Amino acid sequence: MSPPSAAGPSWLASPPPGVAVEITATRVTGVAIADHGGTRVVAAHATEPLASGLATPSLNAPNVHDERALAAIISGVLQNLGHRTKRIALVLPDSIAKVSLVRFDKVPAKAQDLEQLIRWQMRKAAPFRIEDAQVAWQPALPLPDGGREYLVTVARRDVVHSYERVCEAAGAHAGLVDIASFNQVNAVLAGESIAGDWLLIDVAADYATLAVVRGDDIVFFRNRTAAGESDLVELVHQTAMYHEDRLGGGGFTRAILSGVSVLGVEAAERLRRALEERIALRVEPIDFRRGADLRDRIAAGPELLDMLAPAVGILLRERSPRRSGGRSAAPERVA
């Protein structure tokens, strides 16, 4: 799990996948990208709605309630892409994982000692046995005197495996697994460098995530169960105040709103205006086209860009020229 140029060992010895699938509580979306004239383009995309209750993303409960039905939908999406592939990248909702920023004043020299330290720290935070978890981490901000923060992601192993199984049943192997907000960050950072701290506001049908990104590192991450518009606006305001008071920020240089295609056009616009009024900053829709353009035949409305961003982001991450440099967010995979 990580942004485009995540540090950490690569799980892929072969070329990165050209197809990604995102599964949410409400739909399955597939994206294929290709190289075209020296640039990356979204070659095809497809989406299918999910019946209510078919998948209920959750941290500590069963998520997939009809594997056969979900596998059939994934298979249909892959067929509609027109790309025959056995290897895909898989994007899952933020709500299936617990994300924490963990600080160590002294970092162990040995990787296995660091792993044990991280697992011991997360044992106290995870609402399930750490022995039943998949744990991944990414180096984040360096600290004075040799310390460092780590962005740590923990998910129940059986929950992740349930999504991997439906992909296998659909004829595809999920060689990369990551969560949505990390890859919305990927989608933004793949095409540009942003000066100063910026805020990602990710809205899903059943949760909202706020992430503050500084250079190549996530320095703040909060995921909350979905609430009303006024509650989310207030949460964003609280985050802005925390950023200024506790993170040494002088205000956000940009605010990017993602995931709002699930709300519909009118509700998304109303939320955007309310956020702008509360934080006194223009709130932009997410747009990945600096990293991967759309072919001429694909109309690039803001709803489409919003819907495709997580799947595009994970594919761009694997193709970043800064792949080994450590662009912010989480480790490569919930593993």
C-alpha atoms as a PDB file:
ATOM      1  CA  MET A   1       0.000   0.000   0.000  1.00  0.00           C
ATOM      2  CA  SER A   2       1.597   3.225  -1.012  1.00  0.00           C
ATOM      3  CA  PRO A   3       1.753   6.161  -3.376  1.00  0.00           C
ATOM      4  CA  PRO A   4       3.330   6.021  -6.781  1.00  0.00           C
ATOM      5  CA  SER A   5       6.936   5.607  -5.784  1.00  0.00           C
ATOM      6  CA  ALA A   6       6.556   3.770  -2.537  1.00  0.00           C
ATOM      7  CA  ALA A   7       9.631   2.631  -0.752  1.00  0.00           C
ATOM      8  CA  GLY A   8       9.880  -0.932   0.417  1.00  0.00           C
ATOM      9  CA  PRO A   9      10.486  -4.240  -1.308  1.00  0.00           C
ATOM     10  CA  SER A  10       8.673  -4.873  -4.559  1.00  0.00           C
ATOM     11  CA  TRP A  11       6.295  -7.819  -4.576  1.00  0.00           C
ATOM     12  CA  LEU A  12       6.444  -7.914  -8.354  1.00  0.00           C
ATOM     13  CA  ALA A  13       9.368  -9.319 -10.296  1.00  0.00           C
ATOM     14  CA  SER A  14       7.370  -9.134 -13.526  1.00  0.00           C
ATOM     15  CA  PRO A  15       6.015  -5.953 -15.156  1.00  0.00           C
ATOM     16  CA  PRO A  16       3.282  -4.199 -13.188  1.00  0.00           C
ATOM     17  CA  PRO A  17      -0.343  -4.978 -14.028  1.00  0.00           C
ATOM     18  CA  GLY A  18      -2.120  -2.860 -16.577  1.00  0.00           C
ATOM     19  CA  VAL A  19      -5.565  -3.428 -15.048  1.00  0.00           C
ATOM     20  CA  ALA A  20      -6.921  -2.438 -11.657  1.00  0.00           C
ATOM     21  CA  VAL A  21     -10.252  -3.219 -10.001  1.00  0.00           C
ATOM     22  CA  GLU A  22     -11.813  -1.219  -7.182  1.00  0.00           C
ATOM     23  CA  ILE A  23     -14.517  -2.806  -5.018  1.00  0.00           C
ATOM     24  CA  THR A  24     -16.688  -0.522  -2.874  1.00  0.00           C
ATOM     25  CA  ALA A  25     -19.958  -0.982  -1.012  1.00  0.00           C
ATOM     26  CA  THR A  26     -21.874   0.233  -4.065  1.00  0.00           C
ATOM     27  CA  ARG A  27     -19.965  -0.736  -7.206  1.00  0.00           C
ATOM     28  CA  VAL A  28     -17.083  -2.512  -8.916  1.00  0.00           C
ATOM     29  CA  THR A  29     -14.931  -0.382 -11.218  1.00  0.00           C
ATOM     30  CA  GLY A  30     -12.216  -1.587 -13.562  1.00  0.00           C
ATOM     31  CA  VAL A  31      -9.545   0.462 -15.341  1.00  0.00           C
ATOM     32  CA  ALA A  32      -6.948  -0.449 -17.961  1.00  0.00           C
ATOM     33  CA  ILE A  33      -4.054   1.864 -18.758  1.00  0.00           C
ATOM     34  CA  ALA A  34      -1.567   1.687 -21.606  1.00  0.00           C
ATOM     35  CA  ASP A  35       1.411   3.559 -23.012  1.00  0.00           C
ATOM     36  CA  HIS A  36       0.469   5.633 -26.021  1.00  0.00           C
ATOM     37  CA  GLY A  37       2.937   7.834 -27.839  1.00  0.00           C
ATOM     38  CA  GLY A  38       5.185   8.117 -24.828  1.00  0.00           C
ATOM     39  CA  THR A  39       2.364   8.985 -22.436  1.00  0.00           C
ATOM     40  CA  ARG A  40       0.125   6.901 -20.230  1.00  0.00           C
ATOM     41  CA  VAL A  41      -3.561   6.808 -21.052  1.00  0.00           C
ATOM     42  CA  VAL A  42      -6.686   5.273 -19.644  1.00  0.00           C
ATOM     43  CA  ALA A  43      -7.380   2.812 -22.417  1.00  0.00           C
ATOM     44  CA  ALA A  44     -10.681   1.480 -21.067  1.00  0.00           C
ATOM     45  CA  HIS A  45     -12.906   1.541 -18.034  1.00  0.00           C
ATOM     46  CA  ALA A  46     -16.048  -0.246 -16.866  1.00  0.00           C
ATOM     47  CA  THR A  47     -18.252  -0.180 -13.793  1.00  0.00           C
ATOM     48  CA  GLU A  48     -21.151  -2.197 -12.419  1.00  0.00           C
ATOM     49  CA  PRO A  49     -23.354  -1.387  -9.427  1.00  0.00           C
ATOM     50  CA  LEU A  50     -23.582  -3.729  -6.451  1.00  0.00           C
ATOM     51  CA  ALA A  51     -26.831  -4.725  -4.815  1.00  0.00           C
ATOM     52  CA  SER A  52     -27.172  -3.409  -1.289  1.00  0.00           C
ATOM     53  CA  GLY A  53     -25.590  -5.765   1.240  1.00  0.00           C
ATOM     54  CA  LEU A  54     -23.563  -7.769  -1.269  1.00  0.00           C
ATOM     55  CA  ALA A  55     -20.343  -6.289   0.104  1.00  0.00           C
ATOM     56  CA  THR A  56     -20.254  -4.396   3.398  1.00  0.00           C
ATOM     57  CA  PRO A  57     -16.717  -3.071   3.925  1.00  0.00           C
ATOM     58  CA  SER A  58     -15.797  -3.318   7.597  1.00  0.00           C
ATOM     59  CA  LEU A  59     -12.705  -3.564   9.768  1.00  0.00           C
ATOM     60  CA  ASN A  60     -13.790  -6.358  12.064  1.00  0.00           C
ATOM     61  CA  ALA A  61     -16.631  -8.300  10.442  1.00  0.00           C
ATOM     62  CA  PRO A  62     -17.254 -10.401   7.323  1.00  0.00           C
ATOM     63  CA  ASN A  63     -17.266  -8.175   4.228  1.00  0.00           C
ATOM     64  CA  VAL A  64     -18.332 -10.360   1.298  1.00  0.00           C
ATOM     65  CA  HIS A  65     -21.735 -11.990   1.710  1.00  0.00           C
ATOM     66  CA  ASP A  66     -22.149 -13.681  -1.675  1.00  0.00           C
ATOM     67  CA  GLU A  67     -18.799 -14.580  -3.220  1.00  0.00           C
ATOM     68  CA  ARG A  68     -20.324 -16.148  -6.326  1.00  0.00           C
ATOM     69  CA  ALA A  69     -22.392 -13.062  -7.159  1.00  0.00           C
ATOM     70  CA  LEU A  70     -19.525 -10.650  -6.544  1.00  0.00           C
ATOM     71  CA  ALA A  71     -17.148 -12.798  -8.622  1.00  0.00           C
ATOM     72  CA  ALA A  72     -19.631 -12.736 -11.502  1.00  0.00           C
ATOM     73  CA  ILE A  73     -19.776  -8.939 -11.388  1.00  0.00           C
ATOM     74  CA  ILE A  74     -15.977  -8.640 -11.324  1.00  0.00           C
ATOM     75  CA  SER A  75     -15.765 -11.045 -14.258  1.00  0.00           C
ATOM     76  CA  GLY A  76     -18.231  -8.920 -16.210  1.00  0.00           C
ATOM     77  CA  VAL A  77     -16.281  -5.737 -15.505  1.00  0.00           C
ATOM     78  CA  LEU A  78     -13.044  -7.355 -16.681  1.00  0.00           C
ATOM     79  CA  GLN A  79     -14.710  -8.603 -19.853  1.00  0.00           C
ATOM     80  CA  ASN A  80     -16.093  -5.131 -20.562  1.00  0.00           C
ATOM     81  CA  LEU A  81     -12.582  -3.696 -20.344  1.00  0.00           C
ATOM     82  CA  GLY A  82     -11.622  -5.818 -23.331  1.00  0.00           C
ATOM     83  CA  HIS A  83      -8.213  -6.605 -21.800  1.00  0.00           C
ATOM     84  CA  ARG A  84      -7.416 -10.224 -21.169  1.00  0.00           C
ATOM     85  CA  THR A  85      -5.292 -10.383 -18.066  1.00  0.00           C
ATOM     86  CA  LYS A  86      -4.714 -12.752 -15.182  1.00  0.00           C
ATOM     87  CA  ARG A  87      -2.962 -10.190 -12.980  1.00  0.00           C
ATOM     88  CA  ILE A  88      -4.681  -7.166 -11.537  1.00  0.00           C
ATOM     89  CA  ALA A  89      -4.212  -4.568  -8.844  1.00  0.00           C
ATOM     90  CA  LEU A  90      -7.046  -4.460  -6.312  1.00  0.00           C
ATOM     91  CA  VAL A  91      -8.276  -1.358  -4.463  1.00  0.00           C
ATOM     92  CA  LEU A  92     -10.457  -1.782  -1.383  1.00  0.00           C
ATOM     93  CA  PRO A  93     -12.325   0.696   0.822  1.00  0.00           C
ATOM     94  CA  ASP A  94     -10.433   2.459   3.603  1.00  0.00           C
ATOM     95  CA  SER A  95     -12.871   1.016   6.119  1.00  0.00           C
ATOM     96  CA  ILE A  96     -11.409  -2.497   5.831  1.00  0.00           C
ATOM     97  CA  ALA A  97      -8.124  -1.373   7.412  1.00  0.00           C
ATOM     98  CA  LYS A  98      -6.828   0.551  10.409  1.00  0.00           C
ATOM     99  CA  VAL A  99      -4.203   3.139   9.492  1.00  0.00           C
ATOM    100  CA  SER A 100      -1.923   4.612  12.146  1.00  0.00           C
ATOM    101  CA  LEU A 101       1.064   6.913  12.252  1.00  0.00           C
ATOM    102  CA  VAL A 102       3.542   5.320  14.667  1.00  0.00           C
ATOM    103  CA  ARG A 103       6.540   7.236  15.983  1.00  0.00           C
ATOM    104  CA  PHE A 104       9.824   5.720  17.129  1.00  0.00           C
ATOM    105  CA  ASP A 105      12.502   7.924  18.656  1.00  0.00           C
ATOM    106  CA  LYS A 106      15.036   5.210  17.849  1.00  0.00           C
ATOM    107  CA  VAL A 107      14.680   2.914  14.840  1.00  0.00           C
ATOM    108  CA  PRO A 108      16.085  -0.625  15.142  1.00  0.00           C
ATOM    109  CA  ALA A 109      18.935  -1.377  12.758  1.00  0.00           C
ATOM    110  CA  LYS A 110      17.529  -4.794  11.782  1.00  0.00           C
ATOM    111  CA  ALA A 111      14.393  -5.053   9.675  1.00  0.00           C
ATOM    112  CA  GLN A 112      13.049  -7.988  11.689  1.00  0.00           C
ATOM    113  CA  ASP A 113      13.420  -6.004  14.932  1.00  0.00           C
ATOM    114  CA  LEU A 114      11.523  -3.099  13.358  1.00  0.00           C
ATOM    115  CA  GLU A 115       8.765  -5.478  12.284  1.00  0.00           C
ATOM    116  CA  GLN A 116       8.443  -6.888  15.781  1.00  0.00           C
ATOM    117  CA  LEU A 117       8.333  -3.377  17.248  1.00  0.00           C
ATOM    118  CA  ILE A 118       5.622  -2.258  14.825  1.00  0.00           C
ATOM    119  CA  ARG A 119       3.554  -5.381  15.470  1.00  0.00           C
ATOM    120  CA  TRP A 120       3.885  -4.905  19.232  1.00  0.00           C
ATOM    121  CA  GLN A 121       2.745  -1.286  18.885  1.00  0.00           C
ATOM    122  CA  MET A 122      -0.236  -2.206  16.708  1.00  0.00           C
ATOM    123  CA  ARG A 123      -1.232  -5.050  19.024  1.00  0.00           C
ATOM    124  CA  LYS A 124      -2.584  -2.388  21.377  1.00  0.00           C
ATOM    125  CA  ALA A 125      -4.455  -0.513  18.631  1.00  0.00           C
ATOM    126  CA  ALA A 126      -6.064  -3.239  16.500  1.00  0.00           C
ATOM    127  CA  PRO A 127      -9.508  -4.504  17.585  1.00  0.00           C
ATOM    128  CA  PHE A 128      -8.482  -8.067  16.713  1.00  0.00           C
ATOM    129  CA  ARG A 129      -5.534 -10.351  17.364  1.00  0.00           C
ATOM    130  CA  ILE A 130      -2.410  -9.142  15.612  1.00  0.00           C
ATOM    131  CA  GLU A 131      -1.695 -12.806  14.802  1.00  0.00           C
ATOM    132  CA  ASP A 132      -4.828 -12.725  12.603  1.00  0.00           C
ATOM    133  CA  ALA A 133      -3.769  -9.533  10.828  1.00  0.00           C
ATOM    134  CA  GLN A 134      -1.906  -8.546   7.724  1.00  0.00           C
ATOM    135  CA  VAL A 135       0.402  -5.659   8.584  1.00  0.00           C
ATOM    136  CA  ALA A 136       2.190  -3.303   6.212  1.00  0.00           C
ATOM    137  CA  TRP A 137       4.157  -0.142   6.822  1.00  0.00           C
ATOM    138  CA  GLN A 138       5.876   2.680   5.023  1.00  0.00           C
ATOM    139  CA  PRO A 139       8.570   5.053   6.341  1.00  0.00           C
ATOM    140  CA  ALA A 140       7.100   8.512   6.795  1.00  0.00           C
ATOM    141  CA  LEU A 141       8.573  11.707   8.256  1.00  0.00           C
ATOM    142  CA  PRO A 142      12.110  11.520   9.676  1.00  0.00           C
ATOM    143  CA  LEU A 143      12.400  12.869  13.213  1.00  0.00           C
ATOM    144  CA  PRO A 144      15.214  14.722  14.968  1.00  0.00           C
ATOM    145  CA  ASP A 145      18.016  12.590  16.422  1.00  0.00           C
ATOM    146  CA  GLY A 146      17.444   9.685  14.037  1.00  0.00           C
ATOM    147  CA  GLY A 147      13.847   8.798  14.830  1.00  0.00           C
ATOM    148  CA  ARG A 148      11.103   8.273  12.280  1.00  0.00           C
ATOM    149  CA  GLU A 149       7.358   8.011  11.860  1.00  0.00           C
ATOM    150  CA  TYR A 150       5.870   5.015  10.060  1.00  0.00           C
ATOM    151  CA  LEU A 151       2.521   4.806   8.331  1.00  0.00           C
ATOM    152  CA  VAL A 152       1.164   1.427   9.379  1.00  0.00           C
ATOM    153  CA  THR A 153      -1.809  -0.405   7.897  1.00  0.00           C
ATOM    154  CA  VAL A 154      -3.478  -3.353   9.621  1.00  0.00           C
ATOM    155  CA  ALA A 155      -6.311  -5.481   8.247  1.00  0.00           C
ATOM    156  CA  ARG A 156      -7.841  -8.801   9.187  1.00  0.00           C
ATOM    157  CA  ARG A 157      -6.271 -11.494   7.053  1.00  0.00           C
ATOM    158  CA  ASP A 158      -9.568 -13.277   6.416  1.00  0.00           C
ATOM    159  CA  VAL A 159     -11.195 -10.038   5.225  1.00  0.00           C
ATOM    160  CA  VAL A 160      -8.449  -9.365   2.677  1.00  0.00           C
ATOM    161  CA  HIS A 161      -8.482 -13.002   1.556  1.00  0.00           C
ATOM    162  CA  SER A 162     -12.261 -12.886   0.969  1.00  0.00           C
ATOM    163  CA  TYR A 163     -11.755 -10.143  -1.633  1.00  0.00           C
ATOM    164  CA  GLU A 164      -8.798 -11.970  -3.172  1.00  0.00           C
ATOM    165  CA  ARG A 165     -10.907 -15.133  -3.483  1.00  0.00           C
ATOM    166  CA  VAL A 166     -13.646 -13.427  -5.478  1.00  0.00           C
ATOM    167  CA  CYS A 167     -11.009 -12.067  -7.852  1.00  0.00           C
ATOM    168  CA  GLU A 168      -9.593 -15.579  -8.284  1.00  0.00           C
ATOM    169  CA  ALA A 169     -13.101 -16.883  -8.933  1.00  0.00           C
ATOM    170  CA  ALA A 170     -13.447 -14.179 -11.593  1.00  0.00           C
ATOM    171  CA  GLY A 171     -10.254 -15.441 -13.265  1.00  0.00           C
ATOM    172  CA  ALA A 172      -7.865 -12.766 -11.999  1.00  0.00           C
ATOM    173  CA  HIS A 173      -5.043 -12.823  -9.445  1.00  0.00           C
ATOM    174  CA  ALA A 174      -4.843  -9.751  -7.197  1.00  0.00           C
ATOM    175  CA  GLY A 175      -1.081  -9.335  -7.018  1.00  0.00           C
ATOM    176  CA  LEU A 176      -1.367  -5.901  -5.363  1.00  0.00           C
ATOM    177  CA  VAL A 177      -3.902  -4.934  -2.719  1.00  0.00           C
ATOM    178  CA  ASP A 178      -4.281  -1.388  -1.411  1.00  0.00           C
ATOM    179  CA  ILE A 179      -6.897   0.988  -0.021  1.00  0.00           C
ATOM    180  CA  ALA A 180      -8.669   3.795  -1.835  1.00  0.00           C
ATOM    181  CA  SER A 181      -7.371   6.974  -0.204  1.00  0.00           C
ATOM    182  CA  PHE A 182      -3.713   5.990  -0.610  1.00  0.00           C
ATOM    183  CA  ASN A 183      -4.296   5.644  -4.325  1.00  0.00           C
ATOM    184  CA  GLN A 184      -6.179   8.893  -4.602  1.00  0.00           C
ATOM    185  CA  VAL A 185      -2.976  10.404  -3.205  1.00  0.00           C
ATOM    186  CA  ASN A 186      -1.114   8.348  -5.819  1.00  0.00           C
ATOM    187  CA  ALA A 187      -3.331   9.699  -8.577  1.00  0.00           C
ATOM    188  CA  VAL A 188      -2.546  13.294  -7.586  1.00  0.00           C
ATOM    189  CA  LEU A 189       1.179  12.899  -6.949  1.00  0.00           C
ATOM    190  CA  ALA A 190       1.872  10.810 -10.049  1.00  0.00           C
ATOM    191  CA  GLY A 191       1.466  13.878 -12.230  1.00  0.00           C
ATOM    192  CA  GLU A 192       2.753  16.737 -10.106  1.00  0.00           C
ATOM    193  CA  SER A 193       4.657  17.854  -7.047  1.00  0.00           C
ATOM    194  CA  ILE A 194       2.690  20.025  -4.643  1.00  0.00           C
ATOM    195  CA  ALA A 195       4.466  22.652  -2.568  1.00  0.00           C
ATOM    196  CA  GLY A 196       3.432  22.844   1.069  1.00  0.00           C
ATOM    197  CA  ASP A 197       0.901  20.706   2.910  1.00  0.00           C
ATOM    198  CA  TRP A 198      -2.293  19.733   1.136  1.00  0.00           C
ATOM    199  CA  LEU A 199      -5.506  18.044   2.236  1.00  0.00           C
ATOM    200  CA  LEU A 200      -7.287  15.080   0.662  1.00  0.00           C
ATOM    201  CA  ILE A 201     -10.965  14.775   1.561  1.00  0.00           C
ATOM    202  CA  ASP A 202     -12.218  11.353   0.470  1.00  0.00           C
ATOM    203  CA  VAL A 203     -15.939  10.651   0.692  1.00  0.00           C
ATOM    204  CA  ALA A 204     -17.421   7.174   0.318  1.00  0.00           C
ATOM    205  CA  ALA A 205     -20.918   5.802   0.782  1.00  0.00           C
ATOM    206  CA  ASP A 206     -20.089   4.525   4.259  1.00  0.00           C
ATOM    207  CA  TYR A 207     -17.088   6.554   5.473  1.00  0.00           C
ATOM    208  CA  ALA A 208     -14.965   9.651   5.033  1.00  0.00           C
ATOM    209  CA  THR A 209     -11.159   9.917   5.151  1.00  0.00           C
ATOM    210  CA  LEU A 210      -8.993  12.975   5.661  1.00  0.00           C
ATOM    211  CA  ALA A 211      -5.278  12.841   4.834  1.00  0.00           C
ATOM    212  CA  VAL A 212      -2.701  15.619   5.065  1.00  0.00           C
ATOM    213  CA  VAL A 213       0.250  15.209   2.710  1.00  0.00           C
ATOM    214  CA  ARG A 214       3.566  17.008   3.171  1.00  0.00           C
ATOM    215  CA  GLY A 215       5.970  16.574   0.293  1.00  0.00           C
ATOM    216  CA  ASP A 216       6.252  12.817  -0.071  1.00  0.00           C
ATOM    217  CA  ASP A 217       4.715  11.860   3.278  1.00  0.00           C
ATOM    218  CA  ILE A 218       1.293  11.517   4.812  1.00  0.00           C
ATOM    219  CA  VAL A 219       1.517  13.331   8.148  1.00  0.00           C
ATOM    220  CA  PHE A 220      -2.102  12.991   9.239  1.00  0.00           C
ATOM    221  CA  PHE A 221      -4.747  10.337   8.547  1.00  0.00           C
ATOM    222  CA  ARG A 222      -8.260  10.033   9.920  1.00  0.00           C
ATOM    223  CA  ASN A 223     -11.059   7.701   8.848  1.00  0.00           C
ATOM    224  CA  ARG A 224     -14.575   8.042  10.216  1.00  0.00           C
ATOM    225  CA  THR A 225     -17.894   6.318   9.615  1.00  0.00           C
ATOM    226  CA  ALA A 226     -20.036   8.317   7.233  1.00  0.00           C
ATOM    227  CA  ALA A 227     -21.870  11.220   8.827  1.00  0.00           C
ATOM    228  CA  GLY A 228     -23.951  14.108   7.576  1.00  0.00           C
ATOM    229  CA  GLU A 229     -22.605  16.958   5.504  1.00  0.00           C
ATOM    230  CA  SER A 230     -22.378  19.328   8.480  1.00  0.00           C
ATOM    231  CA  ASP A 231     -20.440  16.754  10.517  1.00  0.00           C
ATOM    232  CA  LEU A 232     -17.927  16.245   7.711  1.00  0.00           C
ATOM    233  CA  VAL A 233     -17.486  19.989   7.239  1.00  0.00           C
ATOM    234  CA  GLU A 234     -16.827  20.373  10.952  1.00  0.00           C
ATOM    235  CA  LEU A 235     -14.356  17.458  10.899  1.00  0.00           C
ATOM    236  CA  VAL A 236     -12.442  19.130   8.067  1.00  0.00           C
ATOM    237  CA  HIS A 237     -12.355  22.366  10.065  1.00  0.00           C
ATOM    238  CA  GLN A 238     -11.024  20.499  13.120  1.00  0.00           C
ATOM    239  CA  THR A 239      -8.353  18.907  10.954  1.00  0.00           C
ATOM    240  CA  ALA A 240      -7.298  22.311   9.650  1.00  0.00           C
ATOM    241  CA  MET A 241      -6.985  23.592  13.223  1.00  0.00           C
ATOM    242  CA  TYR A 242      -5.011  20.515  14.306  1.00  0.00           C
ATOM    243  CA  HIS A 243      -2.726  20.948  11.309  1.00  0.00           C
ATOM    244  CA  GLU A 244      -2.002  24.525  12.282  1.00  0.00           C
ATOM    245  CA  ASP A 245      -1.626  23.926  16.033  1.00  0.00           C
ATOM    246  CA  ARG A 246       0.068  20.509  16.208  1.00  0.00           C
ATOM    247  CA  LEU A 247       1.677  19.824  12.847  1.00  0.00           C
ATOM    248  CA  GLY A 248       3.391  23.165  12.339  1.00  0.00           C
ATOM    249  CA  GLY A 249       1.355  23.930   9.259  1.00  0.00           C
ATOM    250  CA  GLY A 250       0.728  27.423   8.011  1.00  0.00           C
ATOM    251  CA  GLY A 251      -2.495  26.476   6.279  1.00  0.00           C
ATOM    252  CA  PHE A 252      -3.156  24.122   3.396  1.00  0.00           C
ATOM    253  CA  THR A 253      -1.879  25.070  -0.024  1.00  0.00           C
ATOM    254  CA  ARG A 254      -4.588  22.969  -1.679  1.00  0.00           C
ATOM    255  CA  ALA A 255      -7.646  20.925  -0.774  1.00  0.00           C
ATOM    256  CA  ILE A 256      -8.741  18.087  -3.063  1.00  0.00           C
ATOM    257  CA  LEU A 257     -12.139  16.420  -2.816  1.00  0.00           C
ATOM    258  CA  SER A 258     -12.500  12.830  -4.013  1.00  0.00           C
ATOM    259  CA  GLY A 259     -15.030  10.023  -3.933  1.00  0.00           C
ATOM    260  CA  VAL A 260     -18.011  12.353  -4.261  1.00  0.00           C
ATOM    261  CA  SER A 261     -19.331  10.684  -7.420  1.00  0.00           C
ATOM    262  CA  VAL A 262     -21.163   8.402  -4.982  1.00  0.00           C
ATOM    263  CA  LEU A 263     -23.176  11.422  -3.764  1.00  0.00           C
ATOM    264  CA  GLY A 264     -24.467  12.646  -7.096  1.00  0.00           C
ATOM    265  CA  VAL A 265     -23.788  15.967  -8.808  1.00  0.00           C
ATOM    266  CA  GLU A 266     -25.977  18.275  -6.719  1.00  0.00           C
ATOM    267  CA  ALA A 267     -24.945  16.864  -3.321  1.00  0.00           C
ATOM    268  CA  ALA A 268     -21.279  16.874  -4.299  1.00  0.00           C
ATOM    269  CA  GLU A 269     -21.432  20.522  -5.351  1.00  0.00           C
ATOM    270  CA  ARG A 270     -23.266  21.482  -2.163  1.00  0.00           C
ATOM    271  CA  LEU A 271     -20.598  19.742  -0.073  1.00  0.00           C
ATOM    272  CA  ARG A 272     -17.795  21.423  -2.005  1.00  0.00           C
ATOM    273  CA  ARG A 273     -19.262  24.885  -1.426  1.00  0.00           C
ATOM    274  CA  ALA A 274     -19.792  24.201   2.277  1.00  0.00           C
ATOM    275  CA  LEU A 275     -16.185  23.058   2.667  1.00  0.00           C
ATOM    276  CA  GLU A 276     -14.861  26.142   0.891  1.00  0.00           C
ATOM    277  CA  GLU A 277     -16.843  28.419   3.172  1.00  0.00           C
ATOM    278  CA  ARG A 278     -15.583  26.623   6.294  1.00  0.00           C
ATOM    279  CA  ILE A 279     -11.860  26.482   5.506  1.00  0.00           C
ATOM    280  CA  ALA A 280     -11.636  29.576   3.275  1.00  0.00           C
ATOM    281  CA  LEU A 281      -9.835  27.687   0.509  1.00  0.00           C
ATOM    282  CA  ARG A 282     -10.815  26.552  -2.969  1.00  0.00           C
ATOM    283  CA  VAL A 283     -11.726  22.848  -2.900  1.00  0.00           C
ATOM    284  CA  GLU A 284     -10.755  21.118  -6.144  1.00  0.00           C
ATOM    285  CA  PRO A 285     -12.166  17.921  -7.647  1.00  0.00           C
ATOM    286  CA  ILE A 286      -9.592  15.179  -8.018  1.00  0.00           C
ATOM    287  CA  ASP A 287      -8.006  15.007 -11.480  1.00  0.00           C
ATOM    288  CA  PHE A 288      -5.378  12.424 -12.452  1.00  0.00           C
ATOM    289  CA  ARG A 289      -4.879  13.513 -16.066  1.00  0.00           C
ATOM    290  CA  ARG A 290      -1.367  14.841 -15.535  1.00  0.00           C
ATOM    291  CA  GLY A 291      -0.345  11.263 -14.797  1.00  0.00           C
ATOM    292  CA  ALA A 292      -2.611   9.438 -17.251  1.00  0.00           C
ATOM    293  CA  ASP A 293      -4.755  11.145 -19.857  1.00  0.00           C
ATOM    294  CA  LEU A 294      -8.007   9.839 -21.241  1.00  0.00           C
ATOM    295  CA  ARG A 295      -8.335   8.760 -24.833  1.00  0.00           C
ATOM    296  CA  ASP A 296     -10.321  11.131 -27.015  1.00  0.00           C
ATOM    297  CA  ARG A 297     -13.295   8.839 -27.161  1.00  0.00           C
ATOM    298  CA  ILE A 298     -13.659   8.892 -23.364  1.00  0.00           C
ATOM    299  CA  ALA A 299     -15.493  11.976 -22.117  1.00  0.00           C
ATOM    300  CA  ALA A 300     -13.658  13.401 -19.103  1.00  0.00           C
ATOM    301  CA  GLY A 301     -16.391  14.732 -16.847  1.00  0.00           C
ATOM    302  CA  PRO A 302     -15.552  15.328 -13.175  1.00  0.00           C
ATOM    303  CA  GLU A 303     -17.724  12.412 -12.042  1.00  0.00           C
ATOM    304  CA  LEU A 304     -15.794  10.000 -14.253  1.00  0.00           C
ATOM    305  CA  LEU A 305     -12.414  11.315 -13.112  1.00  0.00           C
ATOM    306  CA  ASP A 306     -13.554  10.962  -9.513  1.00  0.00           C
ATOM    307  CA  MET A 307     -14.788   7.405  -9.986  1.00  0.00           C
ATOM    308  CA  LEU A 308     -11.664   6.174 -11.777  1.00  0.00           C
ATOM    309  CA  ALA A 309      -9.049   7.902  -9.591  1.00  0.00           C
ATOM    310  CA  PRO A 310      -8.289   5.100  -7.048  1.00  0.00           C
ATOM    311  CA  ALA A 311      -7.819   2.429  -9.716  1.00  0.00           C
ATOM    312  CA  VAL A 312      -5.750   4.772 -11.888  1.00  0.00           C
ATOM    313  CA  GLY A 313      -3.679   5.740  -8.859  1.00  0.00           C
ATOM    314  CA  ILE A 314      -2.543   2.216  -8.017  1.00  0.00           C
ATOM    315  CA  LEU A 315      -1.551   1.591 -11.642  1.00  0.00           C
ATOM    316  CA  LEU A 316       0.400   4.847 -11.858  1.00  0.00           C
ATOM    317  CA  ARG A 317       2.180   4.067  -8.605  1.00  0.00           C
ATOM    318  CA  GLU A 318       3.679   0.946 -10.123  1.00  0.00           C
ATOM    319  CA  ARG A 319       4.929   2.932 -13.112  1.00  0.00           C
ATOM    320  CA  SER A 320       6.378   5.910 -11.312  1.00  0.00           C
ATOM    321  CA  PRO A 321       9.987   6.782 -12.172  1.00  0.00           C
ATOM    322  CA  ARG A 322      10.368   7.537  -8.454  1.00  0.00           C
ATOM    323  CA  ARG A 323       9.185   4.046  -7.557  1.00  0.00           C
ATOM    324  CA  SER A 324      12.058   3.420  -5.145  1.00  0.00           C
ATOM    325  CA  GLY A 325      12.154   6.950  -3.802  1.00  0.00           C
ATOM    326  CA  GLY A 326       9.387   6.707  -1.255  1.00  0.00           C
ATOM    327  CA  ARG A 327       6.426   8.860  -2.191  1.00  0.00           C
ATOM    328  CA  SER A 328       4.040   9.258   0.715  1.00  0.00           C
ATOM    329  CA  ALA A 329       1.544   6.819   1.997  1.00  0.00           C
ATOM    330  CA  ALA A 330       1.485   3.225   2.934  1.00  0.00           C
ATOM    331  CA  PRO A 331       3.264   0.017   2.109  1.00  0.00           C
ATOM    332  CA  GLU A 332       2.683  -1.840  -1.082  1.00  0.00           C
ATOM    333  CA  ARG A 333       0.107  -4.240   0.082  1.00  0.00           C
ATOM    334  CA  VAL A 334      -1.911  -5.195   3.094  1.00  0.00           C
ATOM    335  CA  ALA A 335       0.405  -8.062   3.861  1.00  0.00           C
END
